[in-house]
Amino acid sequence: MPTSKASATWEGSLAKGRGSMKPEHATDIAFSVATRFEGAKGSNPEEVVGAALAGCFSMALSLGLEKAGMTPQSIQTSATVHLEKVGDGFAVPRIELKTEVRATGGDDAKFASVAEQTKKGCPISKLLSAAEITLDAKLVH
């Protein structure tokens, strides 16, 4: 199986510094204290984790639906990653996935079952299992 690589660089103090995250085959993603904690425009590590989970879940859901006899046409997934102060530090206690799917060949019950199995079974969900991951899945007819 292939491996994936990414790197990060931070320059300066925490308060005045800035960093860059770099997926091996994508452009740099700039971040800072302001983009992470103060709502400034830009990205942060939690956003990148959310994108990874949303992407992994969407791909795995496509496969799961096909295996269940459904034909996926489009899958739109978002992830809300909650960074919270815990004691002297921070933690990510939960991630909320929301997905809307256009698919044929199945009903709401079959879809809900596949979506829930996918939430538990996609590789990034397994990696992030320390956080509670909730799912709001909607089959669009």
N, C-alpha and C. Protein backbone atom coordinates (compact mmCIF):
# COMPACT_ATOMS: atom_id res chain seq x y z
N MET A 1 0.84 -1.18 0.00
CA MET A 1 0.00 0.00 0.00
C MET A 1 0.89 1.25 0.00
N PRO A 2 0.41 2.31 -0.62
CA PRO A 2 1.22 3.55 -0.65
C PRO A 2 1.26 4.22 0.72
N THR A 3 2.27 5.01 0.92
CA THR A 3 2.33 5.84 2.12
C THR A 3 2.07 7.29 1.71
N SER A 4 1.64 8.08 2.65
CA SER A 4 1.39 9.50 2.41
C SER A 4 2.31 10.29 3.31
N LYS A 5 2.78 11.40 2.79
CA LYS A 5 3.68 12.25 3.56
C LYS A 5 3.17 13.67 3.61
N ALA A 6 3.48 14.32 4.70
CA ALA A 6 3.18 15.73 4.87
C ALA A 6 4.25 16.30 5.79
N SER A 7 4.39 17.60 5.77
CA SER A 7 5.37 18.23 6.66
C SER A 7 4.80 19.54 7.17
N ALA A 8 5.44 20.08 8.19
CA ALA A 8 5.02 21.37 8.73
C ALA A 8 6.26 22.13 9.18
N THR A 9 6.18 23.43 9.08
CA THR A 9 7.24 24.32 9.51
C THR A 9 6.62 25.42 10.36
N TRP A 10 7.29 25.78 11.46
CA TRP A 10 6.86 26.90 12.28
C TRP A 10 8.04 27.82 12.47
N GLU A 11 7.83 29.10 12.32
CA GLU A 11 8.90 30.07 12.49
C GLU A 11 8.46 31.13 13.49
N GLY A 12 9.30 31.40 14.48
CA GLY A 12 9.03 32.44 15.46
C GLY A 12 8.36 31.93 16.71
N SER A 13 8.00 32.88 17.57
CA SER A 13 7.33 32.55 18.83
C SER A 13 5.90 32.10 18.54
N LEU A 14 5.26 31.56 19.57
CA LEU A 14 3.88 31.13 19.38
C LEU A 14 2.99 32.31 19.01
N ALA A 15 3.08 33.39 19.76
CA ALA A 15 2.19 34.53 19.55
C ALA A 15 2.43 35.27 18.25
N LYS A 16 3.69 35.39 17.84
CA LYS A 16 4.00 36.19 16.66
C LYS A 16 4.45 35.36 15.46
N GLY A 17 4.57 34.07 15.66
CA GLY A 17 5.08 33.23 14.59
C GLY A 17 4.01 32.85 13.59
N ARG A 18 4.46 32.09 12.62
CA ARG A 18 3.53 31.54 11.62
C ARG A 18 4.10 30.24 11.10
N GLY A 19 3.21 29.45 10.55
CA GLY A 19 3.63 28.15 10.08
C GLY A 19 3.05 27.82 8.73
N SER A 20 3.49 26.69 8.23
CA SER A 20 3.03 26.19 6.95
C SER A 20 2.95 24.67 7.03
N MET A 21 1.81 24.12 6.64
CA MET A 21 1.62 22.68 6.55
C MET A 21 1.66 22.34 5.07
N LYS A 22 2.27 21.23 4.72
CA LYS A 22 2.46 20.91 3.31
C LYS A 22 2.19 19.44 3.05
N PRO A 23 1.02 19.12 2.50
CA PRO A 23 0.82 17.76 1.99
C PRO A 23 1.82 17.54 0.85
N GLU A 24 2.34 16.34 0.73
CA GLU A 24 3.40 16.08 -0.25
C GLU A 24 3.04 16.52 -1.66
N HIS A 25 1.81 16.32 -2.08
CA HIS A 25 1.44 16.59 -3.47
C HIS A 25 0.43 17.74 -3.59
N ALA A 26 0.47 18.68 -2.66
CA ALA A 26 -0.46 19.81 -2.70
C ALA A 26 0.28 21.08 -2.29
N THR A 27 -0.42 22.19 -2.37
CA THR A 27 0.21 23.47 -2.03
C THR A 27 0.30 23.65 -0.52
N ASP A 28 1.16 24.57 -0.12
CA ASP A 28 1.33 24.89 1.29
C ASP A 28 0.02 25.44 1.87
N ILE A 29 -0.18 25.16 3.14
CA ILE A 29 -1.33 25.67 3.87
C ILE A 29 -0.78 26.49 5.03
N ALA A 30 -0.95 27.79 4.96
CA ALA A 30 -0.43 28.68 6.00
C ALA A 30 -1.34 28.66 7.22
N PHE A 31 -0.72 28.81 8.41
CA PHE A 31 -1.50 28.91 9.63
C PHE A 31 -0.73 29.71 10.68
N SER A 32 -1.49 30.20 11.67
CA SER A 32 -0.90 31.00 12.73
C SER A 32 -1.81 30.90 13.95
N VAL A 33 -1.40 31.53 15.04
CA VAL A 33 -2.27 31.60 16.21
C VAL A 33 -3.58 32.27 15.84
N ALA A 34 -3.52 33.32 15.05
CA ALA A 34 -4.72 34.05 14.66
C ALA A 34 -5.68 33.19 13.83
N THR A 35 -5.15 32.37 12.93
CA THR A 35 -6.04 31.53 12.11
C THR A 35 -6.55 30.33 12.90
N ARG A 36 -5.83 29.95 13.93
CA ARG A 36 -6.24 28.79 14.71
C ARG A 36 -7.18 29.14 15.84
N PHE A 37 -6.94 30.27 16.51
CA PHE A 37 -7.70 30.58 17.71
C PHE A 37 -8.52 31.86 17.65
N GLU A 38 -8.26 32.73 16.70
CA GLU A 38 -8.90 34.04 16.70
C GLU A 38 -9.82 34.29 15.52
N GLY A 39 -10.06 33.29 14.71
CA GLY A 39 -10.99 33.44 13.60
C GLY A 39 -10.46 34.20 12.40
N ALA A 40 -9.15 34.44 12.36
CA ALA A 40 -8.58 35.13 11.21
C ALA A 40 -8.69 34.25 9.97
N LYS A 41 -8.73 34.89 8.82
CA LYS A 41 -8.82 34.16 7.56
C LYS A 41 -7.56 33.31 7.37
N GLY A 42 -7.75 32.09 7.01
CA GLY A 42 -6.65 31.15 6.81
C GLY A 42 -7.04 29.79 7.34
N SER A 43 -6.09 28.92 7.47
CA SER A 43 -6.37 27.54 7.88
C SER A 43 -5.75 27.24 9.23
N ASN A 44 -5.91 25.99 9.65
CA ASN A 44 -5.34 25.51 10.90
C ASN A 44 -5.29 23.98 10.86
N PRO A 45 -4.56 23.35 11.77
CA PRO A 45 -4.45 21.89 11.74
C PRO A 45 -5.79 21.17 11.85
N GLU A 46 -6.71 21.71 12.64
CA GLU A 46 -8.01 21.05 12.80
C GLU A 46 -8.78 21.04 11.49
N GLU A 47 -8.68 22.11 10.73
CA GLU A 47 -9.35 22.18 9.43
C GLU A 47 -8.80 21.12 8.48
N VAL A 48 -7.50 20.93 8.52
CA VAL A 48 -6.86 19.92 7.66
C VAL A 48 -7.30 18.51 8.08
N VAL A 49 -7.40 18.27 9.39
CA VAL A 49 -7.89 16.98 9.89
C VAL A 49 -9.34 16.77 9.42
N GLY A 50 -10.16 17.82 9.52
CA GLY A 50 -11.54 17.71 9.08
C GLY A 50 -11.65 17.40 7.59
N ALA A 51 -10.81 18.04 6.79
CA ALA A 51 -10.81 17.76 5.35
C ALA A 51 -10.40 16.32 5.08
N ALA A 52 -9.41 15.84 5.82
CA ALA A 52 -8.96 14.45 5.64
C ALA A 52 -10.08 13.48 5.99
N LEU A 53 -10.78 13.73 7.09
CA LEU A 53 -11.87 12.84 7.48
C LEU A 53 -13.02 12.91 6.47
N ALA A 54 -13.40 14.12 6.04
CA ALA A 54 -14.49 14.26 5.08
C ALA A 54 -14.16 13.56 3.77
N GLY A 55 -12.91 13.70 3.31
CA GLY A 55 -12.50 13.05 2.08
C GLY A 55 -12.48 11.54 2.19
N CYS A 56 -11.91 11.04 3.27
CA CYS A 56 -11.84 9.59 3.48
C CYS A 56 -13.24 8.99 3.60
N PHE A 57 -14.09 9.65 4.40
CA PHE A 57 -15.45 9.17 4.59
C PHE A 57 -16.20 9.14 3.25
N SER A 58 -16.07 10.19 2.45
CA SER A 58 -16.78 10.24 1.16
C SER A 58 -16.36 9.12 0.23
N MET A 59 -15.05 8.89 0.15
CA MET A 59 -14.56 7.80 -0.71
C MET A 59 -15.06 6.45 -0.21
N ALA A 60 -14.95 6.22 1.09
CA ALA A 60 -15.36 4.94 1.66
C ALA A 60 -16.87 4.74 1.54
N LEU A 61 -17.65 5.81 1.69
CA LEU A 61 -19.09 5.71 1.55
C LEU A 61 -19.47 5.32 0.13
N SER A 62 -18.77 5.85 -0.84
CA SER A 62 -19.03 5.48 -2.23
C SER A 62 -18.88 3.97 -2.41
N LEU A 63 -17.80 3.43 -1.88
CA LEU A 63 -17.58 1.98 -1.98
C LEU A 63 -18.64 1.21 -1.21
N GLY A 64 -18.95 1.66 0.00
CA GLY A 64 -19.95 0.97 0.81
C GLY A 64 -21.32 0.94 0.14
N LEU A 65 -21.71 2.05 -0.46
CA LEU A 65 -22.99 2.10 -1.16
C LEU A 65 -23.00 1.15 -2.34
N GLU A 66 -21.90 1.11 -3.09
CA GLU A 66 -21.82 0.18 -4.23
C GLU A 66 -21.94 -1.26 -3.76
N LYS A 67 -21.25 -1.60 -2.69
CA LYS A 67 -21.32 -2.97 -2.15
C LYS A 67 -22.72 -3.33 -1.67
N ALA A 68 -23.49 -2.31 -1.25
CA ALA A 68 -24.86 -2.53 -0.79
C ALA A 68 -25.87 -2.50 -1.93
N GLY A 69 -25.39 -2.40 -3.17
CA GLY A 69 -26.28 -2.41 -4.33
C GLY A 69 -26.82 -1.05 -4.72
N MET A 70 -26.26 0.00 -4.15
CA MET A 70 -26.70 1.34 -4.51
C MET A 70 -25.71 1.95 -5.50
N THR A 71 -26.15 2.94 -6.26
CA THR A 71 -25.29 3.62 -7.21
C THR A 71 -25.13 5.07 -6.77
N PRO A 72 -23.97 5.41 -6.20
CA PRO A 72 -23.76 6.79 -5.78
C PRO A 72 -23.51 7.69 -6.98
N GLN A 73 -24.12 8.87 -6.95
CA GLN A 73 -23.92 9.86 -8.00
C GLN A 73 -23.09 11.03 -7.49
N SER A 74 -23.36 11.49 -6.26
CA SER A 74 -22.55 12.55 -5.66
C SER A 74 -22.62 12.43 -4.14
N ILE A 75 -21.50 12.78 -3.52
CA ILE A 75 -21.39 12.76 -2.06
C ILE A 75 -20.74 14.07 -1.64
N GLN A 76 -21.44 14.85 -0.84
CA GLN A 76 -20.93 16.12 -0.32
C GLN A 76 -20.82 15.97 1.20
N THR A 77 -19.60 16.01 1.73
CA THR A 77 -19.40 15.81 3.16
C THR A 77 -18.62 16.98 3.75
N SER A 78 -19.07 17.45 4.91
CA SER A 78 -18.32 18.46 5.66
C SER A 78 -18.02 17.91 7.05
N ALA A 79 -16.97 18.42 7.65
CA ALA A 79 -16.61 18.03 9.00
C ALA A 79 -16.42 19.28 9.84
N THR A 80 -17.04 19.31 11.00
CA THR A 80 -16.84 20.39 11.97
C THR A 80 -16.00 19.82 13.10
N VAL A 81 -14.79 20.32 13.23
CA VAL A 81 -13.84 19.83 14.23
C VAL A 81 -13.86 20.80 15.40
N HIS A 82 -14.14 20.29 16.60
CA HIS A 82 -14.24 21.13 17.79
C HIS A 82 -12.94 21.08 18.58
N LEU A 83 -12.22 22.20 18.62
CA LEU A 83 -11.02 22.37 19.43
C LEU A 83 -11.46 23.07 20.70
N GLU A 84 -11.19 22.44 21.85
CA GLU A 84 -11.65 22.99 23.12
C GLU A 84 -10.53 23.04 24.13
N LYS A 85 -10.60 24.03 25.01
CA LYS A 85 -9.63 24.16 26.09
C LYS A 85 -9.92 23.07 27.12
N VAL A 86 -8.89 22.32 27.48
CA VAL A 86 -9.01 21.26 28.48
C VAL A 86 -7.82 21.41 29.43
N GLY A 87 -8.09 21.82 30.66
CA GLY A 87 -7.01 22.03 31.60
C GLY A 87 -6.06 23.10 31.09
N ASP A 88 -4.77 22.77 31.08
CA ASP A 88 -3.75 23.71 30.61
C ASP A 88 -3.54 23.64 29.10
N GLY A 89 -4.24 22.74 28.43
CA GLY A 89 -4.01 22.57 27.00
C GLY A 89 -5.31 22.56 26.21
N PHE A 90 -5.26 21.89 25.08
CA PHE A 90 -6.40 21.82 24.19
C PHE A 90 -6.61 20.37 23.74
N ALA A 91 -7.83 20.06 23.33
CA ALA A 91 -8.16 18.73 22.82
C ALA A 91 -9.24 18.87 21.75
N VAL A 92 -9.37 17.82 20.96
CA VAL A 92 -10.45 17.72 19.98
C VAL A 92 -11.36 16.59 20.47
N PRO A 93 -12.41 16.94 21.23
CA PRO A 93 -13.27 15.90 21.78
C PRO A 93 -14.30 15.35 20.81
N ARG A 94 -14.61 16.12 19.75
CA ARG A 94 -15.62 15.60 18.82
C ARG A 94 -15.48 16.25 17.45
N ILE A 95 -15.97 15.50 16.48
CA ILE A 95 -16.01 15.94 15.10
C ILE A 95 -17.40 15.59 14.57
N GLU A 96 -18.06 16.55 13.96
CA GLU A 96 -19.38 16.32 13.40
C GLU A 96 -19.27 16.21 11.89
N LEU A 97 -19.64 15.06 11.37
CA LEU A 97 -19.70 14.87 9.92
C LEU A 97 -21.12 15.14 9.46
N LYS A 98 -21.24 15.80 8.33
CA LYS A 98 -22.54 16.01 7.70
C LYS A 98 -22.38 15.67 6.23
N THR A 99 -23.23 14.79 5.73
CA THR A 99 -23.11 14.37 4.34
C THR A 99 -24.47 14.35 3.67
N GLU A 100 -24.48 14.79 2.42
CA GLU A 100 -25.66 14.68 1.57
C GLU A 100 -25.26 13.88 0.35
N VAL A 101 -26.06 12.88 0.06
CA VAL A 101 -25.70 11.91 -0.98
C VAL A 101 -26.84 11.78 -1.98
N ARG A 102 -26.48 11.79 -3.22
CA ARG A 102 -27.42 11.43 -4.28
C ARG A 102 -27.02 10.03 -4.73
N ALA A 103 -27.97 9.10 -4.58
CA ALA A 103 -27.71 7.71 -4.95
C ALA A 103 -29.03 7.05 -5.29
N THR A 104 -28.95 6.03 -6.10
CA THR A 104 -30.14 5.26 -6.46
C THR A 104 -29.95 3.82 -6.02
N GLY A 105 -31.05 3.08 -6.00
CA GLY A 105 -30.98 1.66 -5.74
C GLY A 105 -31.13 1.26 -4.28
N GLY A 106 -31.56 2.17 -3.44
CA GLY A 106 -31.73 1.81 -2.04
C GLY A 106 -32.65 2.77 -1.34
N ASP A 107 -33.01 2.40 -0.12
CA ASP A 107 -33.90 3.25 0.66
C ASP A 107 -33.14 3.92 1.80
N ASP A 108 -33.85 4.74 2.57
CA ASP A 108 -33.23 5.49 3.66
C ASP A 108 -32.58 4.58 4.69
N ALA A 109 -33.23 3.45 5.01
CA ALA A 109 -32.69 2.55 6.03
C ALA A 109 -31.38 1.92 5.58
N LYS A 110 -31.33 1.47 4.34
CA LYS A 110 -30.09 0.89 3.82
C LYS A 110 -28.98 1.93 3.80
N PHE A 111 -29.32 3.12 3.33
CA PHE A 111 -28.36 4.21 3.28
C PHE A 111 -27.82 4.53 4.67
N ALA A 112 -28.72 4.68 5.65
CA ALA A 112 -28.30 5.03 7.01
C ALA A 112 -27.37 3.98 7.59
N SER A 113 -27.65 2.73 7.33
CA SER A 113 -26.81 1.64 7.83
C SER A 113 -25.41 1.70 7.22
N VAL A 114 -25.34 1.89 5.91
CA VAL A 114 -24.04 1.98 5.24
C VAL A 114 -23.27 3.20 5.72
N ALA A 115 -23.96 4.34 5.87
CA ALA A 115 -23.28 5.56 6.32
C ALA A 115 -22.71 5.38 7.73
N GLU A 116 -23.46 4.77 8.61
CA GLU A 116 -22.98 4.56 9.99
C GLU A 116 -21.80 3.59 10.01
N GLN A 117 -21.87 2.51 9.23
CA GLN A 117 -20.74 1.58 9.14
C GLN A 117 -19.50 2.29 8.60
N THR A 118 -19.70 3.15 7.62
CA THR A 118 -18.58 3.89 7.02
C THR A 118 -17.96 4.84 8.03
N LYS A 119 -18.80 5.51 8.83
CA LYS A 119 -18.28 6.43 9.84
C LYS A 119 -17.33 5.70 10.79
N LYS A 120 -17.66 4.50 11.16
CA LYS A 120 -16.83 3.72 12.08
C LYS A 120 -15.63 3.08 11.40
N GLY A 121 -15.75 2.80 10.11
CA GLY A 121 -14.76 1.96 9.45
C GLY A 121 -13.78 2.62 8.52
N CYS A 122 -13.99 3.88 8.12
CA CYS A 122 -13.02 4.48 7.20
C CYS A 122 -11.69 4.68 7.93
N PRO A 123 -10.58 4.56 7.24
CA PRO A 123 -9.27 4.60 7.91
C PRO A 123 -9.02 5.85 8.76
N ILE A 124 -9.48 7.02 8.31
CA ILE A 124 -9.23 8.22 9.10
C ILE A 124 -10.14 8.24 10.33
N SER A 125 -11.35 7.71 10.24
CA SER A 125 -12.20 7.58 11.43
C SER A 125 -11.53 6.69 12.46
N LYS A 126 -10.97 5.59 12.01
CA LYS A 126 -10.27 4.69 12.94
C LYS A 126 -9.10 5.42 13.60
N LEU A 127 -8.36 6.18 12.83
CA LEU A 127 -7.24 6.94 13.36
C LEU A 127 -7.69 7.93 14.42
N LEU A 128 -8.84 8.56 14.19
CA LEU A 128 -9.34 9.60 15.07
C LEU A 128 -10.32 9.07 16.13
N SER A 129 -10.30 7.80 16.40
CA SER A 129 -11.30 7.20 17.28
C SER A 129 -11.30 7.74 18.70
N ALA A 130 -10.28 8.47 19.13
CA ALA A 130 -10.28 9.06 20.46
C ALA A 130 -11.32 10.18 20.55
N ALA A 131 -11.67 10.79 19.43
CA ALA A 131 -12.68 11.85 19.40
C ALA A 131 -14.03 11.23 19.07
N GLU A 132 -15.08 11.77 19.65
CA GLU A 132 -16.42 11.35 19.27
C GLU A 132 -16.70 11.92 17.89
N ILE A 133 -17.10 11.07 16.96
CA ILE A 133 -17.44 11.51 15.62
C ILE A 133 -18.92 11.25 15.41
N THR A 134 -19.70 12.32 15.25
CA THR A 134 -21.12 12.17 15.00
C THR A 134 -21.37 12.29 13.50
N LEU A 135 -22.53 11.83 13.07
CA LEU A 135 -22.86 11.83 11.65
C LEU A 135 -24.29 12.25 11.43
N ASP A 136 -24.50 13.20 10.52
CA ASP A 136 -25.82 13.60 10.05
C ASP A 136 -25.82 13.27 8.56
N ALA A 137 -26.45 12.15 8.21
CA ALA A 137 -26.42 11.68 6.82
C ALA A 137 -27.80 11.81 6.20
N LYS A 138 -27.84 12.34 4.98
CA LYS A 138 -29.10 12.59 4.30
C LYS A 138 -29.02 12.07 2.87
N LEU A 139 -29.93 11.20 2.51
CA LEU A 139 -30.05 10.71 1.15
C LEU A 139 -31.02 11.63 0.43
N VAL A 140 -30.56 12.30 -0.60
CA VAL A 140 -31.38 13.25 -1.35
C VAL A 140 -32.09 12.51 -2.47
N HIS A 141 -33.41 12.62 -2.49
CA HIS A 141 -34.20 11.92 -3.52
C HIS A 141 -34.53 12.83 -4.66
